[in-house]
N, C-alpha and C. Protein backbone atom coordinates (compact mmCIF):
# COMPACT_ATOMS: atom_id res chain seq x y z
N UNK A 1 30.08 17.48 26.61
CA UNK A 1 29.26 16.44 26.00
C UNK A 1 30.18 15.27 25.63
N UNK A 2 29.87 14.07 26.14
CA UNK A 2 30.73 12.92 25.83
C UNK A 2 30.38 12.34 24.46
N UNK A 3 31.18 11.37 24.02
CA UNK A 3 31.02 10.82 22.66
C UNK A 3 29.69 10.10 22.47
N UNK A 4 29.22 9.37 23.48
CA UNK A 4 27.94 8.67 23.36
C UNK A 4 26.79 9.66 23.23
N UNK A 5 26.81 10.72 23.99
CA UNK A 5 25.75 11.73 23.91
C UNK A 5 25.77 12.43 22.57
N UNK A 6 26.96 12.74 22.08
CA UNK A 6 27.10 13.41 20.79
C UNK A 6 26.58 12.51 19.66
N UNK A 7 26.93 11.22 19.73
CA UNK A 7 26.47 10.27 18.72
C UNK A 7 24.95 10.14 18.74
N UNK A 8 24.36 10.06 19.92
CA UNK A 8 22.91 9.98 20.04
C UNK A 8 22.24 11.23 19.49
N UNK A 9 22.81 12.39 19.77
CA UNK A 9 22.27 13.65 19.27
C UNK A 9 22.26 13.66 17.73
N UNK A 10 23.38 13.28 17.08
CA UNK A 10 23.44 13.26 15.62
C UNK A 10 22.48 12.23 15.02
N UNK A 11 22.33 11.11 15.70
CA UNK A 11 21.39 10.10 15.24
C UNK A 11 19.96 10.62 15.26
N UNK A 12 19.57 11.28 16.35
CA UNK A 12 18.21 11.82 16.45
C UNK A 12 17.95 12.90 15.41
N UNK A 13 18.92 13.75 15.16
CA UNK A 13 18.77 14.79 14.13
C UNK A 13 18.60 14.14 12.76
N UNK A 14 19.43 13.15 12.45
CA UNK A 14 19.33 12.45 11.15
C UNK A 14 17.99 11.76 11.00
N UNK A 15 17.53 11.10 12.04
CA UNK A 15 16.25 10.40 11.99
C UNK A 15 15.09 11.36 11.77
N UNK A 16 15.17 12.55 12.31
CA UNK A 16 14.08 13.50 12.12
C UNK A 16 13.99 13.96 10.67
N UNK A 17 15.13 14.09 9.98
CA UNK A 17 15.09 14.47 8.56
C UNK A 17 14.51 13.35 7.72
N UNK A 18 14.85 12.12 8.00
CA UNK A 18 14.30 10.97 7.26
C UNK A 18 12.80 10.90 7.47
N UNK A 19 12.34 11.10 8.66
CA UNK A 19 10.91 11.05 8.97
C UNK A 19 10.14 12.12 8.21
N UNK A 20 10.69 13.31 8.07
CA UNK A 20 10.00 14.39 7.35
C UNK A 20 9.76 14.03 5.89
N UNK A 21 10.73 13.43 5.23
CA UNK A 21 10.54 13.10 3.81
C UNK A 21 9.53 11.98 3.64
N UNK A 22 9.44 11.05 4.58
CA UNK A 22 8.48 9.96 4.48
C UNK A 22 7.06 10.46 4.61
N UNK A 23 6.82 11.40 5.49
CA UNK A 23 5.46 11.93 5.71
C UNK A 23 4.95 12.61 4.44
N UNK A 24 5.80 13.36 3.75
CA UNK A 24 5.36 14.06 2.55
C UNK A 24 4.90 13.11 1.46
N UNK A 25 5.61 11.99 1.23
CA UNK A 25 5.26 11.10 0.13
C UNK A 25 4.07 10.21 0.45
N UNK A 26 3.69 10.08 1.71
CA UNK A 26 2.63 9.15 2.06
C UNK A 26 1.34 9.83 2.47
N UNK A 27 1.11 11.05 2.05
CA UNK A 27 -0.15 11.71 2.37
C UNK A 27 -1.12 11.49 1.21
N UNK A 28 -2.33 11.09 1.54
CA UNK A 28 -3.34 10.79 0.53
C UNK A 28 -4.46 11.82 0.57
N UNK A 29 -5.08 12.04 -0.61
CA UNK A 29 -6.26 12.89 -0.64
C UNK A 29 -7.45 12.07 -0.16
N UNK A 30 -8.40 12.74 0.47
CA UNK A 30 -9.57 12.04 1.01
C UNK A 30 -10.54 11.59 -0.08
N UNK A 31 -10.65 12.39 -1.13
CA UNK A 31 -11.57 12.07 -2.23
C UNK A 31 -10.91 12.44 -3.55
N UNK A 32 -11.05 11.56 -4.52
CA UNK A 32 -10.47 11.81 -5.85
C UNK A 32 -11.41 12.73 -6.64
N UNK A 33 -10.86 13.56 -7.53
CA UNK A 33 -11.70 14.44 -8.35
C UNK A 33 -12.24 13.73 -9.58
N UNK A 34 -12.39 12.43 -9.52
CA UNK A 34 -12.95 11.61 -10.59
C UNK A 34 -13.64 10.42 -9.94
N UNK A 35 -14.38 9.67 -10.73
CA UNK A 35 -15.14 8.54 -10.21
C UNK A 35 -14.50 7.24 -10.67
N UNK A 36 -14.27 6.32 -9.72
CA UNK A 36 -13.74 4.99 -10.03
C UNK A 36 -14.80 3.98 -9.66
N UNK A 37 -15.20 3.16 -10.65
CA UNK A 37 -16.23 2.15 -10.39
C UNK A 37 -15.64 0.76 -10.57
N UNK A 38 -15.83 -0.11 -9.61
CA UNK A 38 -15.44 -1.52 -9.65
C UNK A 38 -13.98 -1.76 -10.06
N UNK A 39 -13.02 -1.24 -9.29
CA UNK A 39 -11.61 -1.50 -9.61
C UNK A 39 -11.25 -2.95 -9.34
N UNK A 40 -10.37 -3.53 -10.17
CA UNK A 40 -9.98 -4.93 -9.98
C UNK A 40 -8.59 -5.17 -10.54
N UNK A 41 -8.04 -6.33 -10.20
CA UNK A 41 -6.75 -6.75 -10.76
C UNK A 41 -6.86 -8.20 -11.21
N UNK A 42 -6.00 -8.56 -12.16
CA UNK A 42 -6.02 -9.91 -12.71
C UNK A 42 -4.59 -10.32 -13.02
N UNK A 43 -4.22 -11.52 -12.60
CA UNK A 43 -2.89 -12.04 -12.93
C UNK A 43 -2.96 -12.79 -14.25
N UNK A 44 -1.84 -12.86 -14.96
CA UNK A 44 -1.79 -13.56 -16.24
C UNK A 44 -0.45 -14.28 -16.37
N UNK A 45 -0.43 -15.27 -17.24
CA UNK A 45 0.81 -15.99 -17.54
C UNK A 45 0.78 -16.39 -19.01
N UNK A 46 1.92 -16.30 -19.65
CA UNK A 46 2.02 -16.66 -21.05
C UNK A 46 2.01 -18.18 -21.21
N UNK A 47 1.45 -18.65 -22.29
CA UNK A 47 1.43 -20.08 -22.58
C UNK A 47 2.72 -20.56 -23.20
N UNK A 48 3.64 -19.65 -23.45
CA UNK A 48 4.93 -20.00 -24.04
C UNK A 48 5.99 -19.97 -22.93
N UNK A 49 6.83 -20.99 -22.85
CA UNK A 49 7.88 -21.01 -21.84
C UNK A 49 8.78 -19.79 -22.00
N UNK A 50 8.98 -19.07 -20.91
CA UNK A 50 9.80 -17.85 -20.94
C UNK A 50 9.05 -16.64 -21.44
N UNK A 51 7.74 -16.76 -21.69
CA UNK A 51 6.95 -15.66 -22.25
C UNK A 51 6.53 -14.61 -21.24
N UNK A 52 6.76 -14.85 -19.98
CA UNK A 52 6.48 -13.86 -18.95
C UNK A 52 5.16 -14.05 -18.25
N UNK A 53 4.96 -13.21 -17.25
CA UNK A 53 3.74 -13.21 -16.46
C UNK A 53 3.60 -11.85 -15.81
N UNK A 54 2.44 -11.59 -15.23
CA UNK A 54 2.25 -10.30 -14.58
C UNK A 54 0.89 -10.16 -13.94
N UNK A 55 0.66 -8.97 -13.44
CA UNK A 55 -0.63 -8.60 -12.86
C UNK A 55 -1.02 -7.27 -13.48
N UNK A 56 -2.25 -7.18 -13.96
CA UNK A 56 -2.78 -5.94 -14.51
C UNK A 56 -3.82 -5.38 -13.55
N UNK A 57 -3.71 -4.09 -13.25
CA UNK A 57 -4.68 -3.41 -12.40
C UNK A 57 -5.57 -2.57 -13.30
N UNK A 58 -6.89 -2.78 -13.22
CA UNK A 58 -7.85 -2.08 -14.07
C UNK A 58 -8.68 -1.13 -13.22
N UNK A 59 -8.71 0.13 -13.60
CA UNK A 59 -9.48 1.14 -12.89
C UNK A 59 -10.44 1.81 -13.86
N UNK A 60 -11.70 1.37 -13.91
CA UNK A 60 -12.69 2.07 -14.74
C UNK A 60 -12.96 3.45 -14.15
N UNK A 61 -12.68 4.49 -14.92
CA UNK A 61 -12.83 5.86 -14.42
C UNK A 61 -13.79 6.66 -15.29
N UNK A 62 -14.39 7.65 -14.66
CA UNK A 62 -15.26 8.57 -15.39
C UNK A 62 -15.18 9.93 -14.71
N UNK A 63 -15.71 10.90 -15.39
CA UNK A 63 -15.78 12.26 -14.86
C UNK A 63 -14.41 12.85 -14.56
N UNK A 64 -13.44 12.58 -15.46
CA UNK A 64 -12.10 13.15 -15.29
C UNK A 64 -12.06 14.51 -15.99
N UNK A 65 -11.76 15.52 -15.22
CA UNK A 65 -11.63 16.87 -15.77
C UNK A 65 -10.37 17.51 -15.22
N UNK A 66 -9.50 17.94 -16.11
CA UNK A 66 -8.26 18.63 -15.74
C UNK A 66 -7.39 17.81 -14.80
N UNK A 67 -7.44 16.49 -14.93
CA UNK A 67 -6.64 15.61 -14.09
C UNK A 67 -5.77 14.75 -15.00
N UNK A 68 -4.50 14.63 -14.65
CA UNK A 68 -3.58 13.78 -15.40
C UNK A 68 -3.12 12.65 -14.50
N UNK A 69 -3.72 11.47 -14.67
CA UNK A 69 -3.32 10.29 -13.90
C UNK A 69 -2.10 9.70 -14.60
N UNK A 70 -0.99 9.56 -13.87
CA UNK A 70 0.24 9.12 -14.52
C UNK A 70 0.79 7.78 -14.06
N UNK A 71 0.48 7.35 -12.84
CA UNK A 71 1.03 6.07 -12.39
C UNK A 71 0.15 5.41 -11.33
N UNK A 72 0.37 4.09 -11.19
CA UNK A 72 -0.32 3.30 -10.18
C UNK A 72 0.74 2.58 -9.35
N UNK A 73 0.57 2.60 -8.05
CA UNK A 73 1.45 1.89 -7.13
C UNK A 73 0.69 0.66 -6.63
N UNK A 74 1.34 -0.52 -6.74
CA UNK A 74 0.66 -1.76 -6.38
C UNK A 74 1.71 -2.80 -5.96
N UNK A 75 1.53 -3.39 -4.80
CA UNK A 75 2.39 -4.45 -4.29
C UNK A 75 3.88 -4.10 -4.35
N UNK A 76 4.19 -2.88 -3.92
CA UNK A 76 5.59 -2.47 -3.81
C UNK A 76 6.21 -1.95 -5.09
N UNK A 77 5.44 -1.90 -6.17
CA UNK A 77 5.96 -1.42 -7.44
C UNK A 77 5.14 -0.24 -7.96
N UNK A 78 5.71 0.45 -8.93
CA UNK A 78 5.05 1.58 -9.57
C UNK A 78 5.05 1.32 -11.08
N UNK A 79 3.91 1.60 -11.73
CA UNK A 79 3.81 1.42 -13.18
C UNK A 79 3.18 2.66 -13.80
N UNK A 80 3.67 3.03 -14.96
CA UNK A 80 3.07 4.12 -15.73
C UNK A 80 1.73 3.63 -16.24
N UNK A 81 0.71 4.47 -16.19
CA UNK A 81 -0.63 4.03 -16.60
C UNK A 81 -0.77 4.02 -18.11
N UNK A 82 -1.69 3.19 -18.53
CA UNK A 82 -2.08 3.08 -19.93
C UNK A 82 -3.56 3.43 -19.99
N UNK A 83 -3.93 4.39 -20.82
CA UNK A 83 -5.34 4.78 -20.95
C UNK A 83 -5.98 3.97 -22.06
N UNK A 84 -7.03 3.23 -21.71
CA UNK A 84 -7.79 2.43 -22.67
C UNK A 84 -9.26 2.81 -22.56
N UNK A 85 -9.69 3.76 -23.36
CA UNK A 85 -11.09 4.19 -23.31
C UNK A 85 -11.44 4.78 -21.97
N UNK A 86 -12.35 4.16 -21.27
CA UNK A 86 -12.77 4.67 -19.97
C UNK A 86 -12.08 3.94 -18.81
N UNK A 87 -10.99 3.21 -19.11
CA UNK A 87 -10.24 2.52 -18.07
C UNK A 87 -8.79 2.96 -18.06
N UNK A 88 -8.22 2.90 -16.89
CA UNK A 88 -6.79 3.14 -16.72
C UNK A 88 -6.20 1.81 -16.27
N UNK A 89 -5.09 1.42 -16.89
CA UNK A 89 -4.49 0.12 -16.62
C UNK A 89 -3.04 0.30 -16.17
N UNK A 90 -2.68 -0.41 -15.11
CA UNK A 90 -1.29 -0.49 -14.68
C UNK A 90 -0.82 -1.91 -14.89
N UNK A 91 0.29 -2.08 -15.59
CA UNK A 91 0.80 -3.43 -15.90
C UNK A 91 2.07 -3.69 -15.09
N UNK A 92 2.03 -4.76 -14.30
CA UNK A 92 3.14 -5.11 -13.42
C UNK A 92 3.65 -6.50 -13.79
N UNK A 93 4.93 -6.61 -14.12
CA UNK A 93 5.53 -7.90 -14.47
C UNK A 93 5.89 -8.66 -13.20
N UNK A 94 5.79 -9.98 -13.27
CA UNK A 94 6.19 -10.83 -12.15
C UNK A 94 7.31 -11.76 -12.61
N UNK A 95 7.90 -12.49 -11.69
CA UNK A 95 9.06 -13.31 -12.00
C UNK A 95 8.72 -14.70 -12.54
N UNK A 96 7.46 -15.09 -12.53
CA UNK A 96 7.08 -16.39 -13.06
C UNK A 96 7.27 -16.45 -14.57
N UNK A 97 7.67 -17.58 -15.07
CA UNK A 97 7.74 -17.85 -16.50
C UNK A 97 8.63 -16.86 -17.26
N UNK A 98 9.74 -16.50 -16.67
CA UNK A 98 10.69 -15.62 -17.35
C UNK A 98 11.81 -16.44 -17.97
N UNK A 99 12.30 -15.96 -19.09
CA UNK A 99 13.43 -16.59 -19.73
C UNK A 99 14.68 -16.34 -18.90
N UNK A 100 15.50 -17.37 -18.74
CA UNK A 100 16.70 -17.23 -17.92
C UNK A 100 17.97 -17.45 -18.76
N UNK A 101 17.92 -17.13 -20.02
CA UNK A 101 19.06 -17.35 -20.90
C UNK A 101 20.06 -16.21 -20.73
N UNK A 102 21.06 -16.43 -19.90
CA UNK A 102 22.12 -15.46 -19.71
C UNK A 102 23.45 -16.07 -20.13
N UNK A 103 24.22 -15.33 -20.86
CA UNK A 103 25.55 -15.76 -21.25
C UNK A 103 26.52 -15.05 -20.31
N UNK A 104 27.20 -15.84 -19.51
CA UNK A 104 28.16 -15.29 -18.56
C UNK A 104 29.56 -15.71 -19.03
N UNK A 105 30.32 -14.75 -19.49
CA UNK A 105 31.65 -15.03 -20.01
C UNK A 105 32.57 -13.84 -19.77
N UNK A 106 33.85 -14.07 -19.88
CA UNK A 106 34.81 -12.97 -19.71
C UNK A 106 34.93 -12.15 -20.99
N UNK A 107 34.35 -12.64 -22.09
CA UNK A 107 34.39 -11.90 -23.35
C UNK A 107 33.14 -11.03 -23.45
N UNK A 108 33.27 -9.70 -23.36
CA UNK A 108 32.11 -8.80 -23.39
C UNK A 108 31.28 -8.92 -24.68
N UNK A 109 31.91 -9.27 -25.80
CA UNK A 109 31.17 -9.38 -27.06
C UNK A 109 30.13 -10.50 -27.00
N UNK A 110 30.43 -11.58 -26.28
CA UNK A 110 29.48 -12.69 -26.16
C UNK A 110 28.26 -12.29 -25.34
N UNK A 111 28.44 -11.39 -24.39
CA UNK A 111 27.34 -10.98 -23.51
C UNK A 111 26.37 -10.01 -24.18
N UNK A 112 26.69 -9.50 -25.35
CA UNK A 112 25.76 -8.62 -26.07
C UNK A 112 24.48 -9.34 -26.46
N UNK A 113 24.50 -10.67 -26.48
CA UNK A 113 23.32 -11.44 -26.84
C UNK A 113 22.33 -11.55 -25.68
N UNK A 114 22.74 -11.18 -24.48
CA UNK A 114 21.85 -11.23 -23.32
C UNK A 114 20.71 -10.25 -23.48
N UNK A 115 19.52 -10.66 -23.05
CA UNK A 115 18.37 -9.77 -23.05
C UNK A 115 18.47 -8.81 -21.87
N UNK A 116 17.90 -7.64 -22.02
CA UNK A 116 17.89 -6.69 -20.91
C UNK A 116 17.07 -7.25 -19.75
N UNK A 117 17.53 -7.01 -18.56
CA UNK A 117 16.82 -7.46 -17.37
C UNK A 117 15.83 -6.39 -16.97
N UNK A 118 14.59 -6.82 -16.76
CA UNK A 118 13.54 -5.90 -16.34
C UNK A 118 13.85 -5.37 -14.95
N UNK A 119 13.92 -4.05 -14.81
CA UNK A 119 14.20 -3.46 -13.51
C UNK A 119 12.92 -2.90 -12.91
N UNK A 120 12.67 -3.25 -11.67
CA UNK A 120 11.47 -2.81 -10.99
C UNK A 120 11.53 -1.32 -10.68
N UNK A 121 10.40 -0.67 -10.79
CA UNK A 121 10.26 0.71 -10.35
C UNK A 121 9.55 0.64 -9.00
N UNK A 122 10.30 0.77 -7.94
CA UNK A 122 9.77 0.56 -6.60
C UNK A 122 8.88 1.70 -6.14
N UNK A 123 7.91 1.36 -5.32
CA UNK A 123 6.97 2.32 -4.78
C UNK A 123 7.33 2.64 -3.33
N UNK A 124 7.13 3.89 -2.89
CA UNK A 124 7.42 4.23 -1.49
C UNK A 124 6.29 3.84 -0.53
N UNK A 125 5.16 3.34 -1.07
CA UNK A 125 3.99 3.06 -0.25
C UNK A 125 3.98 1.61 0.23
N UNK A 126 3.58 1.41 1.47
CA UNK A 126 3.37 0.07 2.02
C UNK A 126 1.87 -0.19 1.95
N UNK A 127 1.50 -1.18 1.13
CA UNK A 127 0.08 -1.44 0.86
C UNK A 127 -0.25 -2.92 1.07
N UNK A 128 -1.51 -3.18 1.35
CA UNK A 128 -2.00 -4.57 1.40
C UNK A 128 -2.10 -5.10 -0.03
N UNK A 129 -2.25 -6.40 -0.18
CA UNK A 129 -2.31 -7.01 -1.52
C UNK A 129 -3.49 -6.55 -2.36
N UNK A 130 -4.56 -6.07 -1.72
CA UNK A 130 -5.74 -5.62 -2.48
C UNK A 130 -5.85 -4.10 -2.50
N UNK A 131 -4.74 -3.40 -2.31
CA UNK A 131 -4.74 -1.93 -2.33
C UNK A 131 -3.81 -1.41 -3.41
N UNK A 132 -4.15 -0.23 -3.92
CA UNK A 132 -3.27 0.47 -4.85
C UNK A 132 -3.37 1.97 -4.58
N UNK A 133 -2.41 2.71 -5.10
CA UNK A 133 -2.40 4.16 -4.98
C UNK A 133 -2.30 4.73 -6.38
N UNK A 134 -3.14 5.70 -6.67
CA UNK A 134 -3.11 6.40 -7.96
C UNK A 134 -2.37 7.70 -7.75
N UNK A 135 -1.40 7.97 -8.61
CA UNK A 135 -0.66 9.22 -8.58
C UNK A 135 -1.18 10.09 -9.73
N UNK A 136 -1.57 11.31 -9.41
CA UNK A 136 -2.11 12.19 -10.45
C UNK A 136 -1.74 13.64 -10.18
N UNK A 137 -1.85 14.45 -11.23
CA UNK A 137 -1.58 15.89 -11.13
C UNK A 137 -2.88 16.65 -11.36
N UNK A 138 -3.09 17.62 -10.49
CA UNK A 138 -4.25 18.50 -10.59
C UNK A 138 -3.77 19.91 -10.30
N UNK A 139 -3.97 20.81 -11.24
CA UNK A 139 -3.53 22.19 -11.10
C UNK A 139 -2.04 22.26 -10.73
N UNK A 140 -1.23 21.53 -11.49
CA UNK A 140 0.23 21.50 -11.32
C UNK A 140 0.68 21.05 -9.94
N UNK A 141 -0.12 20.25 -9.26
CA UNK A 141 0.23 19.75 -7.95
C UNK A 141 0.05 18.24 -7.92
N UNK A 142 1.00 17.51 -7.32
CA UNK A 142 0.96 16.05 -7.23
C UNK A 142 0.02 15.63 -6.11
N UNK A 143 -0.84 14.62 -6.40
CA UNK A 143 -1.77 14.08 -5.42
C UNK A 143 -1.71 12.55 -5.47
N UNK A 144 -2.06 11.92 -4.35
CA UNK A 144 -2.13 10.47 -4.26
C UNK A 144 -3.48 10.07 -3.69
N UNK A 145 -4.10 9.08 -4.33
CA UNK A 145 -5.39 8.59 -3.86
C UNK A 145 -5.29 7.08 -3.67
N UNK A 146 -5.66 6.61 -2.50
CA UNK A 146 -5.55 5.19 -2.16
C UNK A 146 -6.88 4.48 -2.36
N UNK A 147 -6.82 3.33 -3.03
CA UNK A 147 -7.99 2.47 -3.23
C UNK A 147 -7.74 1.19 -2.43
N UNK A 148 -8.66 0.88 -1.52
CA UNK A 148 -8.45 -0.24 -0.60
C UNK A 148 -9.31 -1.47 -0.89
N UNK A 149 -10.09 -1.44 -1.92
CA UNK A 149 -11.02 -2.56 -2.14
C UNK A 149 -10.91 -3.15 -3.55
N UNK A 150 -9.69 -3.36 -4.02
CA UNK A 150 -9.53 -3.98 -5.34
C UNK A 150 -10.02 -5.42 -5.28
N UNK A 151 -10.81 -5.81 -6.24
CA UNK A 151 -11.31 -7.18 -6.34
C UNK A 151 -10.36 -7.99 -7.22
N UNK A 152 -10.24 -9.27 -6.93
CA UNK A 152 -9.38 -10.15 -7.73
C UNK A 152 -10.22 -10.83 -8.79
N UNK A 153 -9.86 -10.62 -10.06
CA UNK A 153 -10.55 -11.27 -11.18
C UNK A 153 -9.85 -12.61 -11.45
N UNK A 154 -10.49 -13.50 -12.21
CA UNK A 154 -9.89 -14.80 -12.50
C UNK A 154 -8.53 -14.67 -13.20
N UNK A 155 -7.67 -15.63 -12.93
CA UNK A 155 -6.34 -15.73 -13.52
C UNK A 155 -6.47 -16.01 -15.03
N UNK A 156 -5.65 -15.39 -15.85
CA UNK A 156 -5.71 -15.58 -17.30
C UNK A 156 -4.48 -16.35 -17.75
N UNK A 157 -4.68 -17.44 -18.49
CA UNK A 157 -3.58 -18.19 -19.09
C UNK A 157 -3.70 -18.00 -20.59
N UNK A 158 -2.71 -17.34 -21.17
CA UNK A 158 -2.75 -17.12 -22.61
C UNK A 158 -2.27 -18.37 -23.34
N UNK A 159 -2.90 -18.71 -24.48
CA UNK A 159 -2.48 -19.89 -25.22
C UNK A 159 -1.09 -19.70 -25.81
N UNK A 160 -0.48 -20.82 -26.20
CA UNK A 160 0.88 -20.75 -26.75
C UNK A 160 0.91 -20.16 -28.15
N UNK A 161 -0.21 -20.21 -28.85
CA UNK A 161 -0.28 -19.64 -30.20
C UNK A 161 -1.70 -19.15 -30.42
N UNK A 162 -1.86 -18.16 -31.30
CA UNK A 162 -3.21 -17.69 -31.58
C UNK A 162 -4.05 -18.79 -32.23
N UNK A 163 -5.36 -18.83 -31.94
CA UNK A 163 -6.20 -19.87 -32.55
C UNK A 163 -6.25 -19.70 -34.08
N UNK A 164 -6.31 -20.85 -34.75
CA UNK A 164 -6.35 -20.83 -36.23
C UNK A 164 -7.79 -20.57 -36.68
N UNK A 165 -7.92 -19.78 -37.75
CA UNK A 165 -9.24 -19.51 -38.31
C UNK A 165 -9.50 -20.53 -39.43
N UNK A 166 -10.67 -21.12 -39.41
CA UNK A 166 -11.02 -22.11 -40.45
C UNK A 166 -11.95 -21.51 -41.44
């Protein structure tokens, strides 16, 4: 066996292992064991310079029994869910309207004033802009359910200060 053939053989073996792990993470259940009605997402931006921005995914759910929904995958990111009554919310930060105050110096003590940089939790799923994946556990087993028809709600601009009460 010459060097080119040996190299091709090792490449094919390596590629087959990579392919196996991808198939496992991208399998979806056909039907969720709960009901989702009118899922939507809405972008927001703070009225204060550097106050941040993001997109919130809202999933009104009902009939959840013995299911633990833990995360939502949306636009290449993953977010831990927040339970609000009969809705599950995934909050995703965006890069608009972020504070950029960084102190770059050779003195480490000066850099302690820097704010922590938000690190993205990346998703393994390739999705369209109006799709999300719900990750949940049922009977100690991980499941993924894909929603393909998220509606876009109006953009929200938060005021710079709370309204005054008279």
